[in-house]
Structure formats: C-alpha cells, structure tokens
Amino acid sequence: MAYPPSQYVDERSGGLYVAGTGVSLDSLVIHFQEGASPDKIATSFPTLKLSQIYGVIA
C-alpha cells in the first residue's frame, strides 16, 4: 500500500519507520497513544529529535 510522502516517515520492507532511523512508526505512536508526551518519547528513543517526533504525530 502506498502512503502519502512525508519527510518524517519512510516505508521500508513493508513497514513504516521514522525517516532515517530504525524506529518503527508503530512503536512511537503506541507510546503517544498511551499518553507519553513528545519529551518522554524522546527519552525512550534517544536517537530521535523532537522535531521528528512532532512531525510523526502531527
């Protein structure tokens, strides 16, 4: 399935990932849905920048 292009999300091997990282979109979104703030998510995924986190959840 094709997804709209985004500077924050890559589609690879049938999965969606935060662009330029190995962090799956699912794992980030689950943290957000469970109530984690972007700052807390950044603590859980130190390879991500806050701008990437905000871009993905926007």
Protein backbone atom coordinates (compact mmCIF):
# COMPACT_ATOMS: atom_id res chain seq x y z
CA MET A 1 0.00 0.00 0.00
CA ALA A 2 1.37 3.42 -0.90
CA TYR A 3 1.30 6.17 1.69
CA PRO A 4 1.45 9.92 1.09
CA PRO A 5 5.05 11.14 1.01
CA SER A 6 6.36 12.56 4.27
CA GLN A 7 9.73 13.91 5.28
CA TYR A 8 9.24 12.20 8.63
CA VAL A 9 8.24 8.68 7.58
CA ASP A 10 9.98 6.07 5.40
CA GLU A 11 8.35 2.94 4.02
CA ARG A 12 10.82 0.03 4.04
CA SER A 13 10.39 -3.73 3.82
CA GLY A 14 6.64 -3.42 4.22
CA GLY A 15 6.90 -1.33 7.40
CA LEU A 16 6.78 2.34 8.31
CA TYR A 17 9.71 3.94 10.15
CA VAL A 18 10.70 7.35 11.39
CA ALA A 19 12.74 8.69 8.46
CA GLY A 20 16.44 7.88 8.61
CA THR A 21 16.09 5.70 11.72
CA GLY A 22 15.30 2.15 12.70
CA VAL A 23 12.43 3.28 14.94
CA SER A 24 9.11 1.87 13.77
CA LEU A 25 6.21 4.24 13.43
CA ASP A 26 4.08 1.78 15.43
CA SER A 27 6.34 1.94 18.48
CA LEU A 28 6.35 5.73 18.54
CA VAL A 29 2.59 6.04 18.01
CA ILE A 30 1.84 3.46 20.72
CA HIS A 31 3.85 5.49 23.22
CA PHE A 32 1.91 8.60 22.21
CA GLN A 33 -1.48 6.86 22.42
CA GLU A 34 -0.57 5.62 25.90
CA GLY A 35 -0.19 9.24 26.98
CA ALA A 36 3.55 9.83 26.64
CA SER A 37 4.49 13.41 25.81
CA PRO A 38 6.90 14.11 22.95
CA ASP A 39 9.61 14.84 25.56
CA LYS A 40 9.01 11.46 27.22
CA ILE A 41 9.08 9.73 23.83
CA ALA A 42 12.44 11.40 23.13
CA THR A 43 13.74 9.90 26.37
CA SER A 44 12.57 6.45 25.28
CA PHE A 45 14.06 6.84 21.78
CA PRO A 46 17.26 8.89 22.21
CA THR A 47 18.13 8.60 18.50
CA LEU A 48 15.11 10.76 17.63
CA LYS A 49 14.97 14.54 17.59
CA LEU A 50 11.93 16.31 18.99
CA SER A 51 11.22 17.71 15.53
CA GLN A 52 10.96 14.15 14.16
CA ILE A 53 8.59 13.11 16.95
CA TYR A 54 6.34 16.13 16.43
CA GLY A 55 6.44 15.57 12.66
CA VAL A 56 5.34 11.96 13.00
CA ILE A 57 2.49 12.59 15.43
CA ALA A 58 1.21 15.71 13.63
